[in-house]
Amino acid sequence: MLSYRHGFHAGNHADVLKHVVLLGLLQHLRKKDKPFVCIDTHSGPGFYRLDSGQARQTAEADGGIMPLWQRWRDQQTLAPLLQDYMAMVASFNPEDAGARPVCYPGSPAIMQSQLRESDRMHLMELHSTEIAVLKDNFRRDSRVHVHHRDGFEGAVGIVPPEPRRGLMLIDPAYEDKADYRRAADTVLAVHRRWQVGMIALWYPLLGKARDQGEWLSHKLIHALPCLNVQLEISPQTEEFGMHGSGMLIVNPPWQFDTLLQPVLTQLHAMLSETTQSEND
């Protein structure tokens, strides 16, 4: 299916979790002088306008980046990684952005912001409209290679990459139930061919009748060296709604869970508070 457009969901609570974790992994790679590669299998356009018709229609950013932005502007104490994330988001916005940012960086933009001259990035997108925007957004950067291809197929086809050291983000839409199995199979296949690479797989936490996050996490945790990170911001429903999301990280950095713990604690408190106030 190719109907999914992330512009409707940009900056929501799932993006916040995914992109904070992504930034932490990139910071780890930057600690050594050796070059690294970043691979994003489901890239989208790379940047999003939070004042666009798509974003305003759903207003999902109001339960994600917006409450964090307000606390950051009020100079409230944030965990170091969360502080870095907010500073990174601010760097894509004008200094006079005020109470609401207008631009939200997608994972390709976050990856690009952490690249050094010797590092490389591969971006994949299958959607015919999104790929054109993605190519235009990154066409001036010789370190970036954009591929119009299926992300699951491309993930396996591109590894092992050069340089060998690096990170792959797998972030499908999960519109099709088969995406869960494809995601698990892709992670296993990529790891077989690229055992030194870090792989970060995002997945949604849905209503009880539709949720397959537990199946996915169990399948991979029992097969690979994984860290499973989850953020739940509301109670699970019986049918609809995304009450949280998770990230499965293959070959996580040492003590990465310790780094994320204060981040998850703060995010849960801030975003659950926002969800509760909306429901009152």
C-alpha atoms as a PDB file:
ATOM      1  CA  MET A   1       0.000   0.000   0.000  1.00  0.00           C
ATOM      2  CA  LEU A   2       1.216   3.508  -0.808  1.00  0.00           C
ATOM      3  CA  SER A   3      -1.553   5.674   0.651  1.00  0.00           C
ATOM      4  CA  TYR A   4       0.298   6.515   3.867  1.00  0.00           C
ATOM      5  CA  ARG A   5       1.545  10.116   4.154  1.00  0.00           C
ATOM      6  CA  HIS A   6       3.514  10.890   7.287  1.00  0.00           C
ATOM      7  CA  GLY A   7       2.760  14.620   7.030  1.00  0.00           C
ATOM      8  CA  PHE A   8      -0.529  13.910   8.826  1.00  0.00           C
ATOM      9  CA  HIS A   9       1.380  12.502  11.817  1.00  0.00           C
ATOM     10  CA  ALA A  10       4.605  14.530  11.906  1.00  0.00           C
ATOM     11  CA  GLY A  11       5.807  15.511  15.352  1.00  0.00           C
ATOM     12  CA  ASN A  12       3.470  13.178  17.238  1.00  0.00           C
ATOM     13  CA  HIS A  13       4.482  11.159  20.314  1.00  0.00           C
ATOM     14  CA  ALA A  14       5.762   8.290  18.155  1.00  0.00           C
ATOM     15  CA  ASP A  15       8.031  10.671  16.241  1.00  0.00           C
ATOM     16  CA  VAL A  16       9.358  12.063  19.493  1.00  0.00           C
ATOM     17  CA  LEU A  17      10.354   8.617  20.774  1.00  0.00           C
ATOM     18  CA  LYS A  18      11.765   7.495  17.420  1.00  0.00           C
ATOM     19  CA  HIS A  19      13.802  10.626  16.844  1.00  0.00           C
ATOM     20  CA  VAL A  20      15.173  10.961  20.372  1.00  0.00           C
ATOM     21  CA  VAL A  21      16.413   7.367  20.166  1.00  0.00           C
ATOM     22  CA  LEU A  22      17.784   7.987  16.670  1.00  0.00           C
ATOM     23  CA  LEU A  23      19.687  11.067  17.821  1.00  0.00           C
ATOM     24  CA  GLY A  24      21.181   9.140  20.744  1.00  0.00           C
ATOM     25  CA  LEU A  25      22.431   6.392  18.420  1.00  0.00           C
ATOM     26  CA  LEU A  26      23.935   8.950  16.048  1.00  0.00           C
ATOM     27  CA  GLN A  27      25.706  10.710  18.904  1.00  0.00           C
ATOM     28  CA  HIS A  28      27.223   7.367  19.862  1.00  0.00           C
ATOM     29  CA  LEU A  29      28.539   6.846  16.319  1.00  0.00           C
ATOM     30  CA  ARG A  30      30.104  10.310  16.350  1.00  0.00           C
ATOM     31  CA  LYS A  31      32.188   9.517  19.435  1.00  0.00           C
ATOM     32  CA  LYS A  32      34.798   7.790  17.253  1.00  0.00           C
ATOM     33  CA  ASP A  33      36.703   9.364  14.371  1.00  0.00           C
ATOM     34  CA  LYS A  34      35.965   6.394  12.107  1.00  0.00           C
ATOM     35  CA  PRO A  35      33.391   7.125   9.366  1.00  0.00           C
ATOM     36  CA  PHE A  36      29.906   5.649   9.549  1.00  0.00           C
ATOM     37  CA  VAL A  37      26.910   5.128   7.278  1.00  0.00           C
ATOM     38  CA  CYS A  38      23.244   5.898   7.963  1.00  0.00           C
ATOM     39  CA  ILE A  39      20.458   4.041   6.149  1.00  0.00           C
ATOM     40  CA  ASP A  40      16.785   5.059   6.310  1.00  0.00           C
ATOM     41  CA  THR A  41      14.512   2.519   4.613  1.00  0.00           C
ATOM     42  CA  HIS A  42      11.215   4.456   4.737  1.00  0.00           C
ATOM     43  CA  SER A  43      12.355   8.055   4.484  1.00  0.00           C
ATOM     44  CA  GLY A  44       9.347  10.128   3.462  1.00  0.00           C
ATOM     45  CA  PRO A  45      10.164  13.677   2.256  1.00  0.00           C
ATOM     46  CA  GLY A  46      12.685  14.390   5.031  1.00  0.00           C
ATOM     47  CA  PHE A  47      11.132  17.589   6.420  1.00  0.00           C
ATOM     48  CA  TYR A  48       7.597  18.504   7.515  1.00  0.00           C
ATOM     49  CA  ARG A  49       5.642  21.725   7.967  1.00  0.00           C
ATOM     50  CA  LEU A  50       3.631  21.712  11.158  1.00  0.00           C
ATOM     51  CA  ASP A  51       1.485  24.542   9.804  1.00  0.00           C
ATOM     52  CA  SER A  52       0.508  22.519   6.706  1.00  0.00           C
ATOM     53  CA  GLY A  53      -3.024  21.385   6.005  1.00  0.00           C
ATOM     54  CA  GLN A  54      -2.060  17.771   6.687  1.00  0.00           C
ATOM     55  CA  ALA A  55      -0.552  18.532  10.102  1.00  0.00           C
ATOM     56  CA  ARG A  56      -3.380  20.874  11.134  1.00  0.00           C
ATOM     57  CA  GLN A  57      -6.004  18.316  10.125  1.00  0.00           C
ATOM     58  CA  THR A  58      -4.865  15.784  12.717  1.00  0.00           C
ATOM     59  CA  ALA A  59      -3.051  18.108  15.185  1.00  0.00           C
ATOM     60  CA  GLU A  60      -1.062  15.092  16.404  1.00  0.00           C
ATOM     61  CA  ALA A  61       1.960  17.285  17.103  1.00  0.00           C
ATOM     62  CA  ASP A  62      -0.061  18.831  19.948  1.00  0.00           C
ATOM     63  CA  GLY A  63       0.418  15.550  21.808  1.00  0.00           C
ATOM     64  CA  GLY A  64       4.082  15.218  20.863  1.00  0.00           C
ATOM     65  CA  ILE A  65       6.602  17.915  20.039  1.00  0.00           C
ATOM     66  CA  MET A  66       4.454  20.895  21.120  1.00  0.00           C
ATOM     67  CA  PRO A  67       4.390  20.295  24.904  1.00  0.00           C
ATOM     68  CA  LEU A  68       8.128  19.557  24.816  1.00  0.00           C
ATOM     69  CA  TRP A  69       8.772  22.738  22.871  1.00  0.00           C
ATOM     70  CA  GLN A  70       6.925  24.812  25.470  1.00  0.00           C
ATOM     71  CA  ARG A  71       8.885  23.306  28.360  1.00  0.00           C
ATOM     72  CA  TRP A  72      12.142  23.773  26.488  1.00  0.00           C
ATOM     73  CA  ARG A  73      11.344  27.444  25.776  1.00  0.00           C
ATOM     74  CA  ASP A  74      10.435  27.896  29.431  1.00  0.00           C
ATOM     75  CA  GLN A  75      13.927  26.553  30.233  1.00  0.00           C
ATOM     76  CA  GLN A  76      12.598  23.682  32.316  1.00  0.00           C
ATOM     77  CA  THR A  77      15.140  21.007  33.208  1.00  0.00           C
ATOM     78  CA  LEU A  78      15.300  18.236  30.630  1.00  0.00           C
ATOM     79  CA  ALA A  79      17.403  15.068  30.432  1.00  0.00           C
ATOM     80  CA  PRO A  80      20.608  15.776  28.442  1.00  0.00           C
ATOM     81  CA  LEU A  81      19.568  13.745  25.378  1.00  0.00           C
ATOM     82  CA  LEU A  82      16.126  15.361  25.384  1.00  0.00           C
ATOM     83  CA  GLN A  83      17.768  18.777  25.635  1.00  0.00           C
ATOM     84  CA  ASP A  84      19.925  17.939  22.607  1.00  0.00           C
ATOM     85  CA  TYR A  85      16.850  16.784  20.689  1.00  0.00           C
ATOM     86  CA  MET A  86      14.987  20.020  21.366  1.00  0.00           C
ATOM     87  CA  ALA A  87      18.011  22.106  20.376  1.00  0.00           C
ATOM     88  CA  MET A  88      18.204  20.106  17.143  1.00  0.00           C
ATOM     89  CA  VAL A  89      14.508  20.723  16.368  1.00  0.00           C
ATOM     90  CA  ALA A  90      15.016  24.425  17.124  1.00  0.00           C
ATOM     91  CA  SER A  91      17.911  24.564  14.645  1.00  0.00           C
ATOM     92  CA  PHE A  92      15.438  23.890  11.816  1.00  0.00           C
ATOM     93  CA  ASN A  93      13.204  26.768  12.870  1.00  0.00           C
ATOM     94  CA  PRO A  94      13.613  30.555  12.833  1.00  0.00           C
ATOM     95  CA  GLU A  95      14.844  32.122  16.055  1.00  0.00           C
ATOM     96  CA  ASP A  96      11.519  33.923  16.441  1.00  0.00           C
ATOM     97  CA  ALA A  97       9.464  30.713  16.051  1.00  0.00           C
ATOM     98  CA  GLY A  98       7.659  31.548  19.279  1.00  0.00           C
ATOM     99  CA  ALA A  99       5.373  29.123  21.070  1.00  0.00           C
ATOM    100  CA  ARG A 100       5.041  26.717  18.125  1.00  0.00           C
ATOM    101  CA  PRO A 101       7.747  25.461  15.739  1.00  0.00           C
ATOM    102  CA  VAL A 102       6.799  25.502  12.065  1.00  0.00           C
ATOM    103  CA  CYS A 103       9.301  22.944  10.742  1.00  0.00           C
ATOM    104  CA  TYR A 104       9.778  19.419  12.030  1.00  0.00           C
ATOM    105  CA  PRO A 105      12.799  17.368  10.858  1.00  0.00           C
ATOM    106  CA  GLY A 106      12.123  13.815   9.771  1.00  0.00           C
ATOM    107  CA  SER A 107      14.670  11.058  10.293  1.00  0.00           C
ATOM    108  CA  PRO A 108      16.630  11.888   7.092  1.00  0.00           C
ATOM    109  CA  ALA A 109      17.104  15.469   8.273  1.00  0.00           C
ATOM    110  CA  ILE A 110      18.179  14.310  11.728  1.00  0.00           C
ATOM    111  CA  MET A 111      20.679  11.889  10.221  1.00  0.00           C
ATOM    112  CA  GLN A 112      22.045  14.553   7.900  1.00  0.00           C
ATOM    113  CA  SER A 113      22.503  16.965  10.817  1.00  0.00           C
ATOM    114  CA  GLN A 114      24.910  14.504  12.457  1.00  0.00           C
ATOM    115  CA  LEU A 115      26.966  13.558   9.392  1.00  0.00           C
ATOM    116  CA  ARG A 116      30.618  14.514   9.109  1.00  0.00           C
ATOM    117  CA  GLU A 117      32.466  14.918   5.826  1.00  0.00           C
ATOM    118  CA  SER A 118      33.590  11.271   5.756  1.00  0.00           C
ATOM    119  CA  ASP A 119      30.173   9.829   6.649  1.00  0.00           C
ATOM    120  CA  ARG A 120      27.545   8.624   4.180  1.00  0.00           C
ATOM    121  CA  MET A 121      23.755   8.304   4.080  1.00  0.00           C
ATOM    122  CA  HIS A 122      21.340   6.204   2.018  1.00  0.00           C
ATOM    123  CA  LEU A 123      17.654   7.160   1.876  1.00  0.00           C
ATOM    124  CA  MET A 124      14.914   4.940   0.443  1.00  0.00           C
ATOM    125  CA  GLU A 125      11.343   5.836  -0.478  1.00  0.00           C
ATOM    126  CA  LEU A 126       8.819   4.085  -2.723  1.00  0.00           C
ATOM    127  CA  HIS A 127       5.954   6.613  -2.771  1.00  0.00           C
ATOM    128  CA  SER A 128       6.047   8.431  -6.142  1.00  0.00           C
ATOM    129  CA  THR A 129       5.194  11.842  -4.681  1.00  0.00           C
ATOM    130  CA  GLU A 130       7.386  11.612  -1.592  1.00  0.00           C
ATOM    131  CA  ILE A 131      10.460  10.430  -3.514  1.00  0.00           C
ATOM    132  CA  ALA A 132      10.445  13.550  -5.701  1.00  0.00           C
ATOM    133  CA  VAL A 133      10.410  15.827  -2.660  1.00  0.00           C
ATOM    134  CA  LEU A 134      13.047  13.717  -0.910  1.00  0.00           C
ATOM    135  CA  LYS A 135      15.398  13.945  -3.888  1.00  0.00           C
ATOM    136  CA  ASP A 136      14.943  17.691  -4.111  1.00  0.00           C
ATOM    137  CA  ASN A 137      15.555  18.198  -0.386  1.00  0.00           C
ATOM    138  CA  PHE A 138      18.895  16.364  -0.409  1.00  0.00           C
ATOM    139  CA  ARG A 139      20.179  16.849  -3.957  1.00  0.00           C
ATOM    140  CA  ARG A 140      22.898  19.313  -2.930  1.00  0.00           C
ATOM    141  CA  ASP A 141      24.591  16.958  -0.458  1.00  0.00           C
ATOM    142  CA  SER A 142      27.108  14.619  -2.094  1.00  0.00           C
ATOM    143  CA  ARG A 143      27.215  12.449   1.035  1.00  0.00           C
ATOM    144  CA  VAL A 144      23.567  11.478   0.528  1.00  0.00           C
ATOM    145  CA  HIS A 145      22.298   8.831  -1.907  1.00  0.00           C
ATOM    146  CA  VAL A 146      18.546   8.628  -2.543  1.00  0.00           C
ATOM    147  CA  HIS A 147      16.981   5.380  -3.797  1.00  0.00           C
ATOM    148  CA  HIS A 148      13.486   5.002  -5.282  1.00  0.00           C
ATOM    149  CA  ARG A 149      12.819   1.488  -4.049  1.00  0.00           C
ATOM    150  CA  ASP A 150      10.900  -0.633  -1.562  1.00  0.00           C
ATOM    151  CA  GLY A 151      12.491  -0.189   1.859  1.00  0.00           C
ATOM    152  CA  PHE A 152      12.228  -3.825   2.936  1.00  0.00           C
ATOM    153  CA  GLU A 153      13.870  -5.055  -0.242  1.00  0.00           C
ATOM    154  CA  GLY A 154      16.382  -2.236  -0.261  1.00  0.00           C
ATOM    155  CA  ALA A 155      17.436  -2.827   3.340  1.00  0.00           C
ATOM    156  CA  VAL A 156      18.690  -6.306   2.537  1.00  0.00           C
ATOM    157  CA  GLY A 157      20.060  -5.372  -0.864  1.00  0.00           C
ATOM    158  CA  ILE A 158      22.254  -2.538   0.394  1.00  0.00           C
ATOM    159  CA  VAL A 159      24.098  -4.424   3.145  1.00  0.00           C
ATOM    160  CA  PRO A 160      26.872  -4.832   3.985  1.00  0.00           C
ATOM    161  CA  PRO A 161      27.452  -1.139   3.265  1.00  0.00           C
ATOM    162  CA  GLU A 162      30.637   0.862   2.953  1.00  0.00           C
ATOM    163  CA  PRO A 163      31.742   1.952   5.474  1.00  0.00           C
ATOM    164  CA  ARG A 164      30.729  -1.072   7.554  1.00  0.00           C
ATOM    165  CA  ARG A 165      30.205   0.905  10.752  1.00  0.00           C
ATOM    166  CA  GLY A 166      26.761   2.426  10.972  1.00  0.00           C
ATOM    167  CA  LEU A 167      23.049   2.467  11.646  1.00  0.00           C
ATOM    168  CA  MET A 168      19.888   1.427   9.794  1.00  0.00           C
ATOM    169  CA  LEU A 169      16.465   2.810  10.686  1.00  0.00           C
ATOM    170  CA  ILE A 170      13.466   0.722   9.592  1.00  0.00           C
ATOM    171  CA  ASP A 171      10.243   2.670   9.995  1.00  0.00           C
ATOM    172  CA  PRO A 172       7.373   1.224   7.906  1.00  0.00           C
ATOM    173  CA  ALA A 173       3.800   2.493   8.041  1.00  0.00           C
ATOM    174  CA  TYR A 174       2.339  -0.893   9.121  1.00  0.00           C
ATOM    175  CA  GLU A 175      -0.734  -0.140   6.977  1.00  0.00           C
ATOM    176  CA  ASP A 176      -0.637  -3.762   5.858  1.00  0.00           C
ATOM    177  CA  LYS A 177      -0.587  -6.449   8.559  1.00  0.00           C
ATOM    178  CA  ALA A 178       2.060  -8.220   6.514  1.00  0.00           C
ATOM    179  CA  ASP A 179       4.434  -5.349   7.330  1.00  0.00           C
ATOM    180  CA  TYR A 180       5.024  -6.818  10.798  1.00  0.00           C
ATOM    181  CA  ARG A 181       6.301 -10.086   9.387  1.00  0.00           C
ATOM    182  CA  ARG A 182       8.206  -8.294   6.638  1.00  0.00           C
ATOM    183  CA  ALA A 183       9.818  -6.046   9.247  1.00  0.00           C
ATOM    184  CA  ALA A 184      10.906  -9.004  11.383  1.00  0.00           C
ATOM    185  CA  ASP A 185      12.211 -10.951   8.379  1.00  0.00           C
ATOM    186  CA  THR A 186      14.079  -7.878   7.122  1.00  0.00           C
ATOM    187  CA  VAL A 187      15.804  -7.245  10.445  1.00  0.00           C
ATOM    188  CA  LEU A 188      16.915 -10.885  10.641  1.00  0.00           C
ATOM    189  CA  ALA A 189      18.165 -10.858   7.051  1.00  0.00           C
ATOM    190  CA  VAL A 190      20.014  -7.569   7.468  1.00  0.00           C
ATOM    191  CA  HIS A 191      21.702  -8.782  10.646  1.00  0.00           C
ATOM    192  CA  ARG A 192      22.856 -11.980   8.954  1.00  0.00           C
ATOM    193  CA  ARG A 193      24.623  -9.912   6.285  1.00  0.00           C
ATOM    194  CA  TRP A 194      25.704  -6.983   8.482  1.00  0.00           C
ATOM    195  CA  GLN A 195      26.388  -8.262  11.984  1.00  0.00           C
ATOM    196  CA  VAL A 196      28.318  -5.177  13.119  1.00  0.00           C
ATOM    197  CA  GLY A 197      25.568  -2.712  12.188  1.00  0.00           C
ATOM    198  CA  MET A 198      23.045  -1.196  14.553  1.00  0.00           C
ATOM    199  CA  ILE A 199      19.447  -1.681  13.427  1.00  0.00           C
ATOM    200  CA  ALA A 200      16.629   0.414  14.903  1.00  0.00           C
ATOM    201  CA  LEU A 201      13.101  -0.822  14.149  1.00  0.00           C
ATOM    202  CA  TRP A 202      10.117   1.362  15.089  1.00  0.00           C
ATOM    203  CA  TYR A 203       6.696  -0.215  15.720  1.00  0.00           C
ATOM    204  CA  PRO A 204       3.298   1.054  16.941  1.00  0.00           C
ATOM    205  CA  LEU A 205       1.411  -0.046  20.059  1.00  0.00           C
ATOM    206  CA  LEU A 206      -2.239  -0.333  19.015  1.00  0.00           C
ATOM    207  CA  GLY A 207      -5.594  -1.454  20.409  1.00  0.00           C
ATOM    208  CA  LYS A 208      -5.831  -5.022  21.691  1.00  0.00           C
ATOM    209  CA  ALA A 209      -7.643  -6.344  18.596  1.00  0.00           C
ATOM    210  CA  ARG A 210      -4.996  -4.973  16.218  1.00  0.00           C
ATOM    211  CA  ASP A 211      -1.757  -4.862  18.194  1.00  0.00           C
ATOM    212  CA  GLN A 212       1.129  -7.014  16.958  1.00  0.00           C
ATOM    213  CA  GLY A 213       3.895  -5.157  18.752  1.00  0.00           C
ATOM    214  CA  GLU A 214       4.281  -7.887  21.362  1.00  0.00           C
ATOM    215  CA  TRP A 215       4.638 -10.570  18.686  1.00  0.00           C
ATOM    216  CA  LEU A 216       7.220  -8.521  16.806  1.00  0.00           C
ATOM    217  CA  SER A 217       9.320  -7.674  19.856  1.00  0.00           C
ATOM    218  CA  HIS A 218       9.306 -11.229  21.185  1.00  0.00           C
ATOM    219  CA  LYS A 219      10.326 -12.668  17.829  1.00  0.00           C
ATOM    220  CA  LEU A 220      13.372 -10.430  17.539  1.00  0.00           C
ATOM    221  CA  ILE A 221      14.409 -10.298  21.192  1.00  0.00           C
ATOM    222  CA  HIS A 222      14.654 -14.085  21.263  1.00  0.00           C
ATOM    223  CA  ALA A 223      16.767 -14.165  18.104  1.00  0.00           C
ATOM    224  CA  LEU A 224      19.098 -11.163  18.317  1.00  0.00           C
ATOM    225  CA  PRO A 225      20.993  -8.967  20.823  1.00  0.00           C
ATOM    226  CA  CYS A 226      18.194  -6.407  21.248  1.00  0.00           C
ATOM    227  CA  LEU A 227      17.149  -3.534  23.456  1.00  0.00           C
ATOM    228  CA  ASN A 228      13.376  -2.965  23.474  1.00  0.00           C
ATOM    229  CA  VAL A 229      12.328   0.609  24.271  1.00  0.00           C
ATOM    230  CA  GLN A 230       8.654   1.512  24.686  1.00  0.00           C
ATOM    231  CA  LEU A 231       6.730   4.687  25.463  1.00  0.00           C
ATOM    232  CA  GLU A 232       3.048   4.415  26.370  1.00  0.00           C
ATOM    233  CA  ILE A 233       1.133   7.667  26.849  1.00  0.00           C
ATOM    234  CA  SER A 234      -2.422   6.390  27.408  1.00  0.00           C
ATOM    235  CA  PRO A 235      -4.246   3.154  28.335  1.00  0.00           C
ATOM    236  CA  GLN A 236      -4.613   0.538  25.619  1.00  0.00           C
ATOM    237  CA  THR A 237      -8.054   0.444  24.009  1.00  0.00           C
ATOM    238  CA  GLU A 238      -9.885  -2.613  22.741  1.00  0.00           C
ATOM    239  CA  GLU A 239      -9.936  -1.631  19.070  1.00  0.00           C
ATOM    240  CA  PHE A 240      -8.545   1.636  17.719  1.00  0.00           C
ATOM    241  CA  GLY A 241      -5.883   4.192  18.532  1.00  0.00           C
ATOM    242  CA  MET A 242      -2.133   4.191  19.043  1.00  0.00           C
ATOM    243  CA  HIS A 243      -1.443   4.433  22.766  1.00  0.00           C
ATOM    244  CA  GLY A 244       2.326   4.329  22.359  1.00  0.00           C
ATOM    245  CA  SER A 245       5.168   2.949  20.294  1.00  0.00           C
ATOM    246  CA  GLY A 246       8.420   1.061  20.600  1.00  0.00           C
ATOM    247  CA  MET A 247      11.921   0.822  19.215  1.00  0.00           C
ATOM    248  CA  LEU A 248      13.828  -2.442  18.901  1.00  0.00           C
ATOM    249  CA  ILE A 249      17.556  -1.733  18.731  1.00  0.00           C
ATOM    250  CA  VAL A 250      19.859  -4.489  17.498  1.00  0.00           C
ATOM    251  CA  ASN A 251      23.454  -4.164  18.768  1.00  0.00           C
ATOM    252  CA  PRO A 252      22.648  -1.254  21.095  1.00  0.00           C
ATOM    253  CA  PRO A 253      25.515   0.803  22.527  1.00  0.00           C
ATOM    254  CA  TRP A 254      26.730  -0.161  25.977  1.00  0.00           C
ATOM    255  CA  GLN A 255      24.521   1.332  28.698  1.00  0.00           C
ATOM    256  CA  PHE A 256      22.176   2.905  26.135  1.00  0.00           C
ATOM    257  CA  ASP A 257      19.237   1.842  28.287  1.00  0.00           C
ATOM    258  CA  THR A 258      20.693   3.858  31.172  1.00  0.00           C
ATOM    259  CA  LEU A 259      20.985   6.907  28.913  1.00  0.00           C
ATOM    260  CA  LEU A 260      17.351   6.565  27.818  1.00  0.00           C
ATOM    261  CA  GLN A 261      15.788   5.960  31.239  1.00  0.00           C
ATOM    262  CA  PRO A 262      15.485   9.623  32.339  1.00  0.00           C
ATOM    263  CA  VAL A 263      14.330  10.546  28.828  1.00  0.00           C
ATOM    264  CA  LEU A 264      11.512   7.979  28.909  1.00  0.00           C
ATOM    265  CA  THR A 265      10.515   9.032  32.426  1.00  0.00           C
ATOM    266  CA  GLN A 266      10.204  12.673  31.384  1.00  0.00           C
ATOM    267  CA  LEU A 267       8.444  11.908  28.117  1.00  0.00           C
ATOM    268  CA  HIS A 268       5.904   9.695  29.842  1.00  0.00           C
ATOM    269  CA  ALA A 269       5.165  12.376  32.422  1.00  0.00           C
ATOM    270  CA  MET A 270       4.851  15.217  29.886  1.00  0.00           C
ATOM    271  CA  LEU A 271       2.980  13.429  27.118  1.00  0.00           C
ATOM    272  CA  SER A 272       0.685  11.412  29.378  1.00  0.00           C
ATOM    273  CA  GLU A 273      -0.197  14.677  31.106  1.00  0.00           C
ATOM    274  CA  THR A 274      -1.094  16.215  27.754  1.00  0.00           C
ATOM    275  CA  THR A 275      -3.231  13.218  26.786  1.00  0.00           C
ATOM    276  CA  GLN A 276      -5.013  13.271  30.154  1.00  0.00           C
ATOM    277  CA  SER A 277      -5.789  17.002  29.891  1.00  0.00           C
ATOM    278  CA  GLU A 278      -7.228  16.472  26.394  1.00  0.00           C
ATOM    279  CA  ASN A 279      -9.504  13.695  27.686  1.00  0.00           C
ATOM    280  CA  ASP A 280     -10.776  15.621  30.746  1.00  0.00           C
END
